[in-house]
Amino acid sequence: MKLLIVLSCMAVAAYARPDSTYTDKYDQVNLDEILSNPRLRIPYIKCLLDQGKCSPEGKELKAHISEAMSNKCGKCTAKQREGSRVVIGYIINHEPEYWQQLTAKYDPERKYVKEYENELKKISHA
């Protein structure tokens, strides 16, 4: 789940604050718009895979993926956690080739994603 939660922060990227949560600066990003538009969605994924340029949000996301994986998104806001489930569910169900690449890069031993992957496969998002 750690990888899953972090990846969804594509839209709600993370800056650490002294109060031990990531910034809520991006919590109002329209995830439906990003997920439904490949021109918006794919650049975030390619950024994470080091296959393309990164937006400021993408850079912040990349900077915090490992930490979020290690603490089960312990610094995420509630909105970021929910958004993570939606985004990762979408990627698993609609972009399986990218999901495999992201998993290989950020969790090659699959120790974080395997326990949550089946649950997130059930998330249906257009």
N, C-alpha and C. Protein backbone atom coordinates (compact mmCIF):
# COMPACT_ATOMS: atom_id res chain seq x y z
N MET A 1 0.83 -1.18 0.00
CA MET A 1 0.00 0.00 0.00
C MET A 1 0.87 1.24 0.00
N LYS A 2 2.06 1.11 0.54
CA LYS A 2 2.92 2.27 0.63
C LYS A 2 3.18 2.86 -0.76
N LEU A 3 3.53 2.04 -1.72
CA LEU A 3 3.74 2.53 -3.07
C LEU A 3 2.44 3.06 -3.64
N LEU A 4 1.37 2.36 -3.41
CA LEU A 4 0.08 2.74 -3.96
C LEU A 4 -0.33 4.12 -3.50
N ILE A 5 -0.19 4.37 -2.25
CA ILE A 5 -0.58 5.67 -1.70
C ILE A 5 0.30 6.77 -2.27
N VAL A 6 1.56 6.52 -2.34
CA VAL A 6 2.47 7.56 -2.79
C VAL A 6 2.21 7.92 -4.24
N LEU A 7 2.00 6.95 -5.07
CA LEU A 7 1.81 7.23 -6.48
C LEU A 7 0.60 8.10 -6.73
N SER A 8 -0.41 7.92 -5.95
CA SER A 8 -1.58 8.75 -6.18
C SER A 8 -1.34 10.19 -5.84
N CYS A 9 -0.30 10.42 -5.10
CA CYS A 9 0.04 11.80 -4.79
C CYS A 9 0.51 12.52 -6.04
N MET A 10 0.39 11.87 -7.23
CA MET A 10 0.69 12.56 -8.48
C MET A 10 -0.07 13.86 -8.53
N ALA A 11 -1.25 13.82 -8.01
CA ALA A 11 -2.08 15.00 -8.05
C ALA A 11 -2.01 15.79 -6.76
N VAL A 12 -1.54 15.17 -5.69
CA VAL A 12 -1.49 15.85 -4.40
C VAL A 12 -0.09 15.73 -3.83
N ALA A 13 0.90 16.15 -4.61
CA ALA A 13 2.31 15.95 -4.30
C ALA A 13 2.68 16.50 -2.93
N ALA A 14 3.87 16.11 -2.50
CA ALA A 14 4.20 16.27 -1.11
C ALA A 14 5.38 17.18 -0.82
N TYR A 15 5.18 18.11 0.07
CA TYR A 15 6.25 18.84 0.75
C TYR A 15 6.09 18.50 2.23
N ALA A 16 7.15 18.16 2.90
CA ALA A 16 7.03 17.87 4.32
C ALA A 16 6.94 19.19 5.09
N ARG A 17 6.09 19.22 6.08
CA ARG A 17 5.93 20.39 6.94
C ARG A 17 6.41 20.03 8.33
N PRO A 18 6.67 21.02 9.14
CA PRO A 18 7.09 20.73 10.51
C PRO A 18 6.06 19.93 11.28
N ASP A 19 4.77 20.05 10.93
CA ASP A 19 3.75 19.32 11.68
C ASP A 19 3.64 17.87 11.20
N SER A 20 4.63 17.41 10.47
CA SER A 20 4.74 16.01 10.05
C SER A 20 3.67 15.56 9.07
N THR A 21 3.10 16.46 8.31
CA THR A 21 2.22 16.06 7.22
C THR A 21 2.70 16.73 5.95
N TYR A 22 2.37 16.12 4.83
CA TYR A 22 2.68 16.75 3.55
C TYR A 22 1.74 17.93 3.36
N THR A 23 2.18 18.85 2.54
CA THR A 23 1.36 20.02 2.28
C THR A 23 0.03 19.61 1.66
N ASP A 24 -0.99 20.38 1.98
CA ASP A 24 -2.30 20.14 1.36
C ASP A 24 -2.48 21.07 0.15
N LYS A 25 -1.39 21.66 -0.28
CA LYS A 25 -1.40 22.61 -1.39
C LYS A 25 -2.07 22.04 -2.64
N TYR A 26 -1.92 20.74 -2.88
CA TYR A 26 -2.44 20.13 -4.10
C TYR A 26 -3.69 19.28 -3.85
N ASP A 27 -4.26 19.36 -2.68
CA ASP A 27 -5.42 18.52 -2.35
C ASP A 27 -6.65 18.83 -3.19
N GLN A 28 -6.71 20.01 -3.77
CA GLN A 28 -7.89 20.37 -4.57
C GLN A 28 -7.74 20.05 -6.06
N VAL A 29 -6.65 19.38 -6.42
CA VAL A 29 -6.45 18.99 -7.82
C VAL A 29 -7.56 18.05 -8.23
N ASN A 30 -8.06 18.22 -9.44
CA ASN A 30 -9.15 17.39 -9.96
C ASN A 30 -8.58 16.07 -10.48
N LEU A 31 -8.64 15.04 -9.67
CA LEU A 31 -8.09 13.74 -10.06
C LEU A 31 -8.84 13.13 -11.24
N ASP A 32 -10.14 13.33 -11.30
CA ASP A 32 -10.92 12.80 -12.42
C ASP A 32 -10.43 13.38 -13.74
N GLU A 33 -10.13 14.66 -13.73
CA GLU A 33 -9.64 15.30 -14.95
C GLU A 33 -8.29 14.71 -15.37
N ILE A 34 -7.41 14.51 -14.43
CA ILE A 34 -6.09 13.94 -14.73
C ILE A 34 -6.23 12.51 -15.22
N LEU A 35 -7.01 11.71 -14.52
CA LEU A 35 -7.14 10.31 -14.90
C LEU A 35 -7.83 10.11 -16.24
N SER A 36 -8.75 10.97 -16.57
CA SER A 36 -9.49 10.81 -17.82
C SER A 36 -8.76 11.38 -19.03
N ASN A 37 -7.65 12.06 -18.82
CA ASN A 37 -6.93 12.70 -19.91
C ASN A 37 -5.50 12.17 -19.98
N PRO A 38 -5.19 11.34 -20.97
CA PRO A 38 -3.83 10.80 -21.07
C PRO A 38 -2.75 11.88 -21.19
N ARG A 39 -3.09 13.02 -21.78
CA ARG A 39 -2.10 14.09 -21.90
C ARG A 39 -1.72 14.67 -20.54
N LEU A 40 -2.56 14.50 -19.56
CA LEU A 40 -2.25 14.93 -18.20
C LEU A 40 -1.66 13.78 -17.39
N ARG A 41 -2.26 12.61 -17.51
CA ARG A 41 -1.91 11.44 -16.70
C ARG A 41 -0.53 10.87 -17.04
N ILE A 42 -0.26 10.64 -18.30
CA ILE A 42 0.97 9.95 -18.71
C ILE A 42 2.24 10.73 -18.33
N PRO A 43 2.28 12.04 -18.46
CA PRO A 43 3.50 12.74 -18.04
C PRO A 43 3.86 12.53 -16.56
N TYR A 44 2.86 12.43 -15.69
CA TYR A 44 3.16 12.15 -14.29
C TYR A 44 3.82 10.78 -14.15
N ILE A 45 3.26 9.80 -14.85
CA ILE A 45 3.81 8.45 -14.77
C ILE A 45 5.23 8.42 -15.34
N LYS A 46 5.41 9.04 -16.49
CA LYS A 46 6.74 9.06 -17.11
C LYS A 46 7.75 9.79 -16.24
N CYS A 47 7.32 10.83 -15.56
CA CYS A 47 8.20 11.51 -14.62
C CYS A 47 8.68 10.54 -13.55
N LEU A 48 7.76 9.80 -12.97
CA LEU A 48 8.12 8.85 -11.92
C LEU A 48 9.05 7.77 -12.42
N LEU A 49 8.94 7.44 -13.71
CA LEU A 49 9.77 6.40 -14.30
C LEU A 49 11.08 6.94 -14.88
N ASP A 50 11.35 8.22 -14.70
CA ASP A 50 12.53 8.87 -15.27
C ASP A 50 12.54 8.76 -16.79
N GLN A 51 11.35 8.84 -17.38
CA GLN A 51 11.23 8.75 -18.83
C GLN A 51 10.74 10.06 -19.45
N GLY A 52 10.60 11.08 -18.65
CA GLY A 52 10.12 12.37 -19.16
C GLY A 52 10.36 13.46 -18.14
N LYS A 53 10.03 14.67 -18.57
CA LYS A 53 10.17 15.83 -17.68
C LYS A 53 9.15 15.76 -16.56
N CYS A 54 9.49 16.42 -15.48
CA CYS A 54 8.61 16.44 -14.32
C CYS A 54 8.07 17.84 -14.07
N SER A 55 6.80 17.90 -13.76
CA SER A 55 6.20 19.15 -13.29
C SER A 55 6.71 19.38 -11.87
N PRO A 56 6.48 20.57 -11.31
CA PRO A 56 6.87 20.77 -9.92
C PRO A 56 6.24 19.74 -8.98
N GLU A 57 4.96 19.41 -9.22
CA GLU A 57 4.29 18.41 -8.39
C GLU A 57 4.95 17.04 -8.55
N GLY A 58 5.29 16.71 -9.79
CA GLY A 58 5.94 15.42 -10.06
C GLY A 58 7.30 15.31 -9.38
N LYS A 59 8.06 16.41 -9.39
CA LYS A 59 9.37 16.42 -8.72
C LYS A 59 9.21 16.17 -7.23
N GLU A 60 8.23 16.82 -6.62
CA GLU A 60 8.00 16.63 -5.19
C GLU A 60 7.56 15.20 -4.90
N LEU A 61 6.72 14.67 -5.73
CA LEU A 61 6.27 13.30 -5.56
C LEU A 61 7.45 12.34 -5.58
N LYS A 62 8.29 12.47 -6.59
CA LYS A 62 9.47 11.60 -6.69
C LYS A 62 10.35 11.72 -5.46
N ALA A 63 10.46 12.93 -4.94
CA ALA A 63 11.32 13.16 -3.78
C ALA A 63 10.82 12.46 -2.52
N HIS A 64 9.51 12.14 -2.47
CA HIS A 64 8.94 11.60 -1.24
C HIS A 64 8.40 10.17 -1.36
N ILE A 65 8.55 9.56 -2.51
CA ILE A 65 7.99 8.22 -2.69
C ILE A 65 8.55 7.24 -1.67
N SER A 66 9.86 7.20 -1.55
CA SER A 66 10.47 6.22 -0.64
C SER A 66 10.01 6.41 0.80
N GLU A 67 9.96 7.65 1.24
CA GLU A 67 9.52 7.91 2.61
C GLU A 67 8.07 7.47 2.80
N ALA A 68 7.21 7.82 1.87
CA ALA A 68 5.80 7.46 1.99
C ALA A 68 5.63 5.95 1.97
N MET A 69 6.44 5.27 1.17
CA MET A 69 6.37 3.81 1.16
C MET A 69 6.76 3.24 2.53
N SER A 70 7.77 3.81 3.12
CA SER A 70 8.27 3.26 4.37
C SER A 70 7.37 3.55 5.57
N ASN A 71 6.51 4.57 5.47
CA ASN A 71 5.66 4.88 6.62
C ASN A 71 4.17 4.79 6.30
N LYS A 72 3.82 4.05 5.26
CA LYS A 72 2.42 3.83 4.87
C LYS A 72 1.68 5.15 4.71
N CYS A 73 2.34 6.08 4.11
CA CYS A 73 1.77 7.41 3.86
C CYS A 73 1.35 8.08 5.18
N GLY A 74 2.15 7.88 6.17
CA GLY A 74 1.85 8.42 7.48
C GLY A 74 1.80 9.94 7.53
N LYS A 75 2.42 10.61 6.57
CA LYS A 75 2.39 12.07 6.53
C LYS A 75 1.35 12.60 5.55
N CYS A 76 0.58 11.71 4.94
CA CYS A 76 -0.45 12.14 3.98
C CYS A 76 -1.68 12.67 4.70
N THR A 77 -2.36 13.60 4.06
CA THR A 77 -3.65 14.06 4.58
C THR A 77 -4.68 12.98 4.24
N ALA A 78 -5.84 13.06 4.86
CA ALA A 78 -6.91 12.09 4.56
C ALA A 78 -7.29 12.16 3.09
N LYS A 79 -7.33 13.35 2.54
CA LYS A 79 -7.68 13.51 1.12
C LYS A 79 -6.61 12.87 0.23
N GLN A 80 -5.37 12.99 0.60
CA GLN A 80 -4.29 12.36 -0.17
C GLN A 80 -4.38 10.84 -0.11
N ARG A 81 -4.71 10.31 1.06
CA ARG A 81 -4.87 8.85 1.17
C ARG A 81 -5.98 8.35 0.26
N GLU A 82 -7.12 9.02 0.29
CA GLU A 82 -8.25 8.61 -0.55
C GLU A 82 -7.90 8.79 -2.02
N GLY A 83 -7.28 9.89 -2.36
CA GLY A 83 -6.86 10.12 -3.74
C GLY A 83 -5.88 9.07 -4.21
N SER A 84 -5.02 8.65 -3.32
CA SER A 84 -4.05 7.61 -3.65
C SER A 84 -4.74 6.33 -4.07
N ARG A 85 -5.74 5.96 -3.33
CA ARG A 85 -6.48 4.73 -3.65
C ARG A 85 -7.13 4.84 -5.03
N VAL A 86 -7.69 5.98 -5.32
CA VAL A 86 -8.36 6.18 -6.61
C VAL A 86 -7.35 6.12 -7.75
N VAL A 87 -6.26 6.85 -7.61
CA VAL A 87 -5.27 6.91 -8.69
C VAL A 87 -4.61 5.55 -8.90
N ILE A 88 -4.19 4.92 -7.83
CA ILE A 88 -3.52 3.64 -7.98
C ILE A 88 -4.48 2.58 -8.50
N GLY A 89 -5.71 2.61 -8.03
CA GLY A 89 -6.71 1.69 -8.58
C GLY A 89 -6.87 1.89 -10.07
N TYR A 90 -6.87 3.14 -10.50
CA TYR A 90 -6.98 3.44 -11.92
C TYR A 90 -5.78 2.87 -12.68
N ILE A 91 -4.59 3.13 -12.19
CA ILE A 91 -3.39 2.66 -12.89
C ILE A 91 -3.37 1.13 -12.96
N ILE A 92 -3.69 0.47 -11.88
CA ILE A 92 -3.73 -0.99 -11.87
C ILE A 92 -4.71 -1.51 -12.91
N ASN A 93 -5.89 -0.91 -12.95
CA ASN A 93 -6.97 -1.41 -13.81
C ASN A 93 -6.88 -0.94 -15.26
N HIS A 94 -6.29 0.23 -15.51
CA HIS A 94 -6.33 0.79 -16.85
C HIS A 94 -4.96 1.00 -17.50
N GLU A 95 -3.92 0.96 -16.73
CA GLU A 95 -2.56 1.16 -17.25
C GLU A 95 -1.64 0.08 -16.68
N PRO A 96 -1.97 -1.20 -16.88
CA PRO A 96 -1.20 -2.27 -16.24
C PRO A 96 0.27 -2.29 -16.63
N GLU A 97 0.60 -1.88 -17.85
CA GLU A 97 2.00 -1.87 -18.26
C GLU A 97 2.79 -0.84 -17.46
N TYR A 98 2.18 0.32 -17.23
CA TYR A 98 2.84 1.32 -16.38
C TYR A 98 2.88 0.87 -14.93
N TRP A 99 1.83 0.21 -14.49
CA TRP A 99 1.81 -0.30 -13.12
C TRP A 99 2.98 -1.25 -12.89
N GLN A 100 3.24 -2.12 -13.85
CA GLN A 100 4.35 -3.06 -13.72
C GLN A 100 5.69 -2.33 -13.67
N GLN A 101 5.83 -1.31 -14.49
CA GLN A 101 7.07 -0.54 -14.50
C GLN A 101 7.27 0.22 -13.19
N LEU A 102 6.21 0.82 -12.70
CA LEU A 102 6.29 1.55 -11.43
C LEU A 102 6.62 0.62 -10.28
N THR A 103 5.98 -0.52 -10.27
CA THR A 103 6.25 -1.50 -9.23
C THR A 103 7.70 -1.98 -9.31
N ALA A 104 8.17 -2.27 -10.51
CA ALA A 104 9.55 -2.72 -10.68
C ALA A 104 10.55 -1.68 -10.20
N LYS A 105 10.23 -0.42 -10.43
CA LYS A 105 11.15 0.65 -10.02
C LYS A 105 11.11 0.92 -8.52
N TYR A 106 9.92 1.02 -7.95
CA TYR A 106 9.80 1.46 -6.57
C TYR A 106 9.58 0.36 -5.55
N ASP A 107 9.24 -0.82 -5.99
CA ASP A 107 9.03 -1.94 -5.06
C ASP A 107 9.35 -3.25 -5.76
N PRO A 108 10.60 -3.43 -6.22
CA PRO A 108 10.95 -4.61 -7.00
C PRO A 108 10.71 -5.93 -6.27
N GLU A 109 10.79 -5.92 -4.97
CA GLU A 109 10.53 -7.14 -4.20
C GLU A 109 9.04 -7.33 -3.92
N ARG A 110 8.24 -6.35 -4.29
CA ARG A 110 6.79 -6.37 -4.12
C ARG A 110 6.39 -6.57 -2.66
N LYS A 111 7.20 -6.10 -1.75
CA LYS A 111 6.87 -6.28 -0.34
C LYS A 111 5.81 -5.30 0.14
N TYR A 112 5.63 -4.19 -0.55
CA TYR A 112 4.62 -3.22 -0.15
C TYR A 112 3.31 -3.38 -0.91
N VAL A 113 3.39 -3.63 -2.20
CA VAL A 113 2.17 -3.62 -3.02
C VAL A 113 1.39 -4.92 -2.98
N LYS A 114 2.03 -6.03 -2.74
CA LYS A 114 1.33 -7.30 -2.89
C LYS A 114 0.12 -7.44 -1.97
N GLU A 115 0.20 -6.91 -0.77
CA GLU A 115 -0.92 -7.09 0.16
C GLU A 115 -2.13 -6.21 -0.15
N TYR A 116 -1.93 -5.16 -0.95
CA TYR A 116 -3.03 -4.25 -1.25
C TYR A 116 -3.48 -4.29 -2.71
N GLU A 117 -2.71 -4.89 -3.56
CA GLU A 117 -3.00 -4.88 -4.98
C GLU A 117 -4.36 -5.48 -5.31
N ASN A 118 -4.69 -6.60 -4.71
CA ASN A 118 -5.98 -7.22 -5.00
C ASN A 118 -7.15 -6.32 -4.61
N GLU A 119 -7.04 -5.67 -3.48
CA GLU A 119 -8.10 -4.76 -3.05
C GLU A 119 -8.25 -3.60 -4.03
N LEU A 120 -7.14 -3.05 -4.49
CA LEU A 120 -7.20 -1.89 -5.37
C LEU A 120 -7.62 -2.26 -6.78
N LYS A 121 -7.45 -3.51 -7.16
CA LYS A 121 -7.92 -3.95 -8.47
C LYS A 121 -9.44 -3.85 -8.55
N LYS A 122 -10.10 -3.87 -7.41
CA LYS A 122 -11.56 -3.81 -7.36
C LYS A 122 -12.09 -2.39 -7.54
N ILE A 123 -11.21 -1.41 -7.37
CA ILE A 123 -11.64 -0.02 -7.51
C ILE A 123 -11.90 0.23 -8.97
N SER A 124 -13.09 0.63 -9.25
CA SER A 124 -13.43 0.89 -10.63
C SER A 124 -13.54 2.39 -10.83
N HIS A 125 -12.82 2.88 -11.78
CA HIS A 125 -12.84 4.30 -12.10
C HIS A 125 -12.79 4.41 -13.61
N ALA A 126 -13.66 5.20 -14.16
CA ALA A 126 -13.73 5.33 -15.62
C ALA A 126 -12.48 5.85 -16.23
